[in-house]
Amino acid sequence: MRGLALAEIERIRLMEMTILEQDADFDVILCDLMMPEITGMDMLRQLSASDTTITNRLVFMTGGTLTLDAVALVEAEGVGVLMKPVDISELRSRLTDRLQHDD
């Protein structure tokens, strides 16, 4: 059963990446930094290879501390970060910030 579950996770991840790569018409993308099969940093690297404006719409979320690599990437790319549990006023602020990049 575990192999089946991992295959399903991989299938879903590939579908999500395909949607993001083919339909770049998203106002904001909220993405967890730590996911089962791919990190948010890896996802950003993959997506930004085909869409250099993706960082303007991306907000990372994390419930843990940021690694040095994550801090470097966030600072270099200008990606927003929300700490979990997410504060609603902070979420609104990050969303407003990302949406203003689109103007």
C-alpha atoms as a PDB file:
ATOM      1  CA  MET A   1       0.000   0.000   0.000  1.00  0.00           C
ATOM      2  CA  ARG A   2       2.816   2.431   0.779  1.00  0.00           C
ATOM      3  CA  GLY A   3       4.117   2.214  -2.795  1.00  0.00           C
ATOM      4  CA  LEU A   4       0.648   2.979  -4.113  1.00  0.00           C
ATOM      5  CA  ALA A   5       0.317   6.001  -1.821  1.00  0.00           C
ATOM      6  CA  LEU A   6       3.725   7.331  -2.921  1.00  0.00           C
ATOM      7  CA  ALA A   7       2.808   6.819  -6.583  1.00  0.00           C
ATOM      8  CA  GLU A   8      -0.425   8.759  -6.031  1.00  0.00           C
ATOM      9  CA  ILE A   9       1.448  11.599  -4.321  1.00  0.00           C
ATOM     10  CA  GLU A  10       3.892  11.755  -7.232  1.00  0.00           C
ATOM     11  CA  ARG A  11       1.020  11.745  -9.755  1.00  0.00           C
ATOM     12  CA  ILE A  12      -0.687  14.621  -7.924  1.00  0.00           C
ATOM     13  CA  ARG A  13       2.581  16.568  -7.676  1.00  0.00           C
ATOM     14  CA  LEU A  14       3.159  16.196 -11.416  1.00  0.00           C
ATOM     15  CA  MET A  15      -0.404  17.320 -12.148  1.00  0.00           C
ATOM     16  CA  GLU A  16       0.036  20.392  -9.932  1.00  0.00           C
ATOM     17  CA  MET A  17       3.342  21.324 -11.571  1.00  0.00           C
ATOM     18  CA  THR A  18       1.789  20.891 -15.015  1.00  0.00           C
ATOM     19  CA  ILE A  19      -1.128  23.147 -14.110  1.00  0.00           C
ATOM     20  CA  LEU A  20       1.202  25.824 -12.758  1.00  0.00           C
ATOM     21  CA  GLU A  21       3.522  25.595 -15.764  1.00  0.00           C
ATOM     22  CA  GLN A  22       0.757  25.630 -18.378  1.00  0.00           C
ATOM     23  CA  ASP A  23      -1.638  28.113 -16.787  1.00  0.00           C
ATOM     24  CA  ALA A  24       0.355  30.991 -15.372  1.00  0.00           C
ATOM     25  CA  ASP A  25      -2.786  33.057 -14.811  1.00  0.00           C
ATOM     26  CA  PHE A  26      -2.708  32.828 -11.017  1.00  0.00           C
ATOM     27  CA  ASP A  27      -2.875  35.995  -8.938  1.00  0.00           C
ATOM     28  CA  VAL A  28      -1.136  34.452  -5.917  1.00  0.00           C
ATOM     29  CA  ILE A  29       0.336  31.045  -5.154  1.00  0.00           C
ATOM     30  CA  LEU A  30       0.508  29.971  -1.503  1.00  0.00           C
ATOM     31  CA  CYS A  31       3.084  27.209  -1.175  1.00  0.00           C
ATOM     32  CA  ASP A  32       4.311  25.275   1.824  1.00  0.00           C
ATOM     33  CA  LEU A  33       8.093  25.070   2.094  1.00  0.00           C
ATOM     34  CA  MET A  34       7.990  21.489   3.350  1.00  0.00           C
ATOM     35  CA  MET A  35       5.949  19.020   1.314  1.00  0.00           C
ATOM     36  CA  PRO A  36       6.199  15.230   1.065  1.00  0.00           C
ATOM     37  CA  GLU A  37       7.810  14.895  -2.355  1.00  0.00           C
ATOM     38  CA  ILE A  38       9.161  18.331  -3.238  1.00  0.00           C
ATOM     39  CA  THR A  39      10.199  21.402  -1.293  1.00  0.00           C
ATOM     40  CA  GLY A  40       8.806  24.823  -1.988  1.00  0.00           C
ATOM     41  CA  MET A  41      12.315  25.893  -2.974  1.00  0.00           C
ATOM     42  CA  ASP A  42      12.510  23.101  -5.561  1.00  0.00           C
ATOM     43  CA  MET A  43       9.099  24.042  -6.891  1.00  0.00           C
ATOM     44  CA  LEU A  44      10.163  27.676  -7.206  1.00  0.00           C
ATOM     45  CA  ARG A  45      13.298  26.679  -9.111  1.00  0.00           C
ATOM     46  CA  GLN A  46      11.312  24.484 -11.501  1.00  0.00           C
ATOM     47  CA  LEU A  47       8.608  27.054 -12.149  1.00  0.00           C
ATOM     48  CA  SER A  48      10.927  30.040 -12.473  1.00  0.00           C
ATOM     49  CA  ALA A  49      12.817  28.214 -15.221  1.00  0.00           C
ATOM     50  CA  SER A  50       9.750  28.695 -17.445  1.00  0.00           C
ATOM     51  CA  ASP A  51       8.211  31.818 -15.825  1.00  0.00           C
ATOM     52  CA  THR A  52      10.564  34.415 -14.371  1.00  0.00           C
ATOM     53  CA  THR A  53       7.651  36.411 -12.887  1.00  0.00           C
ATOM     54  CA  ILE A  54       6.503  33.553 -10.646  1.00  0.00           C
ATOM     55  CA  THR A  55       8.248  35.030  -7.583  1.00  0.00           C
ATOM     56  CA  ASN A  56       5.985  38.085  -7.802  1.00  0.00           C
ATOM     57  CA  ARG A  57       3.005  35.834  -7.085  1.00  0.00           C
ATOM     58  CA  LEU A  58       4.493  33.335  -4.656  1.00  0.00           C
ATOM     59  CA  VAL A  59       4.138  33.303  -0.871  1.00  0.00           C
ATOM     60  CA  PHE A  60       5.816  30.518   1.090  1.00  0.00           C
ATOM     61  CA  MET A  61       4.282  29.175   4.295  1.00  0.00           C
ATOM     62  CA  THR A  62       6.160  27.278   6.978  1.00  0.00           C
ATOM     63  CA  GLY A  63       5.584  25.967  10.445  1.00  0.00           C
ATOM     64  CA  GLY A  64       9.287  25.565  11.168  1.00  0.00           C
ATOM     65  CA  THR A  65      12.435  27.579  11.040  1.00  0.00           C
ATOM     66  CA  LEU A  66      13.865  28.568   7.690  1.00  0.00           C
ATOM     67  CA  THR A  67      17.071  26.877   6.615  1.00  0.00           C
ATOM     68  CA  LEU A  68      19.979  29.045   5.506  1.00  0.00           C
ATOM     69  CA  ASP A  69      19.278  27.959   1.913  1.00  0.00           C
ATOM     70  CA  ALA A  70      15.626  28.973   2.251  1.00  0.00           C
ATOM     71  CA  VAL A  71      16.547  32.370   3.727  1.00  0.00           C
ATOM     72  CA  ALA A  72      19.021  32.978   0.895  1.00  0.00           C
ATOM     73  CA  LEU A  73      16.464  32.029  -1.764  1.00  0.00           C
ATOM     74  CA  VAL A  74      13.677  34.084  -0.183  1.00  0.00           C
ATOM     75  CA  GLU A  75      15.917  37.141   0.022  1.00  0.00           C
ATOM     76  CA  ALA A  76      17.368  36.702  -3.480  1.00  0.00           C
ATOM     77  CA  GLU A  77      13.985  36.137  -5.137  1.00  0.00           C
ATOM     78  CA  GLY A  78      11.876  38.469  -2.992  1.00  0.00           C
ATOM     79  CA  VAL A  79       9.392  35.741  -2.099  1.00  0.00           C
ATOM     80  CA  GLY A  80       7.005  36.451   0.778  1.00  0.00           C
ATOM     81  CA  VAL A  81       6.949  34.121   3.794  1.00  0.00           C
ATOM     82  CA  LEU A  82       4.126  33.408   6.229  1.00  0.00           C
ATOM     83  CA  MET A  83       4.765  31.585   9.475  1.00  0.00           C
ATOM     84  CA  LYS A  84       2.226  29.010  10.691  1.00  0.00           C
ATOM     85  CA  PRO A  85      -0.149  29.260  12.332  1.00  0.00           C
ATOM     86  CA  VAL A  86      -1.025  31.949   9.810  1.00  0.00           C
ATOM     87  CA  ASP A  87      -2.211  35.271  11.203  1.00  0.00           C
ATOM     88  CA  ILE A  88      -5.114  36.506   9.038  1.00  0.00           C
ATOM     89  CA  SER A  89      -3.943  40.132   9.030  1.00  0.00           C
ATOM     90  CA  GLU A  90      -0.465  39.015   7.942  1.00  0.00           C
ATOM     91  CA  LEU A  91      -2.034  36.863   5.202  1.00  0.00           C
ATOM     92  CA  ARG A  92      -4.013  39.855   3.939  1.00  0.00           C
ATOM     93  CA  SER A  93      -0.878  41.974   3.968  1.00  0.00           C
ATOM     94  CA  ARG A  94       1.123  39.395   1.987  1.00  0.00           C
ATOM     95  CA  LEU A  95      -1.704  38.916  -0.509  1.00  0.00           C
ATOM     96  CA  THR A  96      -2.035  42.668  -0.995  1.00  0.00           C
ATOM     97  CA  ASP A  97       1.725  42.954  -1.481  1.00  0.00           C
ATOM     98  CA  ARG A  98       1.790  40.164  -4.079  1.00  0.00           C
ATOM     99  CA  LEU A  99      -1.239  41.562  -5.928  1.00  0.00           C
ATOM    100  CA  GLN A 100       0.374  45.017  -6.119  1.00  0.00           C
ATOM    101  CA  HIS A 101       3.379  43.485  -7.880  1.00  0.00           C
ATOM    102  CA  ASP A 102       1.004  42.655 -10.705  1.00  0.00           C
ATOM    103  CA  ASP A 103       0.112  46.309 -11.431  1.00  0.00           C
END
